[in-house]
Amino acid sequence: MDYMTLKEASEKWGVSIRQINYYCAGGRIPGAVKVATIWLLPKDAEKPVDMRTKQGKEQKNAKDTLC
């Protein structure tokens, strides 16, 4: 499996490196692996939905309704 760094993912998704670090630490990117102090993300990983946006809040509300 091919991996990319936080910097590569940041450029690909248009968000800060710090935000991607939060996604990884929160387990929101499947397949992300921490090697020593570096996060490695699968090259085919998709950007998680930002729960601070309207789209993210709607998705969270829909999930809460189903449960």
Protein backbone atom coordinates (compact mmCIF):
# COMPACT_ATOMS: atom_id res chain seq x y z
CA MET A 1 0.00 0.00 0.00
CA ASP A 2 1.27 3.46 -0.88
CA TYR A 3 1.25 6.20 1.74
CA MET A 4 1.40 9.99 1.76
CA THR A 5 2.58 12.39 4.46
CA LEU A 6 0.53 15.06 6.20
CA LYS A 7 2.07 17.70 3.94
CA GLU A 8 1.05 15.82 0.79
CA ALA A 9 -2.48 15.31 2.11
CA SER A 10 -2.65 18.98 3.07
CA GLU A 11 -1.84 20.04 -0.48
CA LYS A 12 -4.24 17.46 -1.96
CA TRP A 13 -7.22 18.36 0.26
CA GLY A 14 -6.61 22.09 0.73
CA VAL A 15 -6.57 22.07 4.54
CA SER A 16 -3.84 22.71 7.11
CA ILE A 17 -1.39 20.07 8.25
CA ARG A 18 -2.65 20.61 11.81
CA GLN A 19 -6.24 19.83 10.80
CA ILE A 20 -5.16 16.56 9.17
CA ASN A 21 -3.21 15.75 12.34
CA TYR A 22 -6.48 16.17 14.30
CA TYR A 23 -8.27 13.87 11.83
CA CYS A 24 -5.59 11.19 12.30
CA ALA A 25 -5.51 11.48 16.09
CA GLY A 26 -9.29 11.24 16.18
CA GLY A 27 -9.32 8.10 14.06
CA ARG A 28 -11.26 9.79 11.24
CA ILE A 29 -8.95 8.60 8.44
CA PRO A 30 -9.13 4.82 7.98
CA GLY A 31 -5.73 3.22 7.44
CA ALA A 32 -3.72 6.11 8.90
CA VAL A 33 -0.63 4.83 10.71
CA LYS A 34 1.65 6.67 13.12
CA VAL A 35 5.31 5.73 12.72
CA ALA A 36 7.33 7.31 15.55
CA THR A 37 6.17 10.96 15.29
CA ILE A 38 4.99 10.88 11.65
CA TRP A 39 1.48 10.09 10.42
CA LEU A 40 1.24 8.13 7.16
CA LEU A 41 -2.06 8.16 5.27
CA PRO A 42 -3.10 5.82 2.47
CA LYS A 43 -2.79 7.54 -0.93
CA ASP A 44 -6.40 6.62 -1.73
CA ALA A 45 -7.79 8.03 1.55
CA GLU A 46 -10.64 10.50 1.21
CA LYS A 47 -10.88 13.75 3.13
CA PRO A 48 -13.21 13.39 6.14
CA VAL A 49 -16.24 15.69 6.29
CA ASP A 50 -15.56 18.74 8.47
CA MET A 51 -18.14 18.52 11.26
CA ARG A 52 -17.90 22.31 11.82
CA THR A 53 -19.58 23.02 8.47
CA LYS A 54 -23.25 22.90 7.59
CA GLN A 55 -22.72 19.71 5.57
CA GLY A 56 -20.97 18.03 8.52
CA LYS A 57 -23.67 19.05 10.99
CA GLU A 58 -26.40 17.74 8.68
CA GLN A 59 -24.55 14.43 8.33
CA LYS A 60 -24.14 14.17 12.11
CA ASN A 61 -27.83 14.93 12.70
CA ALA A 62 -28.87 12.32 10.12
CA LYS A 63 -26.68 9.71 11.82
CA ASP A 64 -28.09 10.61 15.26
CA THR A 65 -31.64 10.27 13.89
CA LEU A 66 -30.96 6.74 12.62
CA CYS A 67 -29.62 5.53 15.97
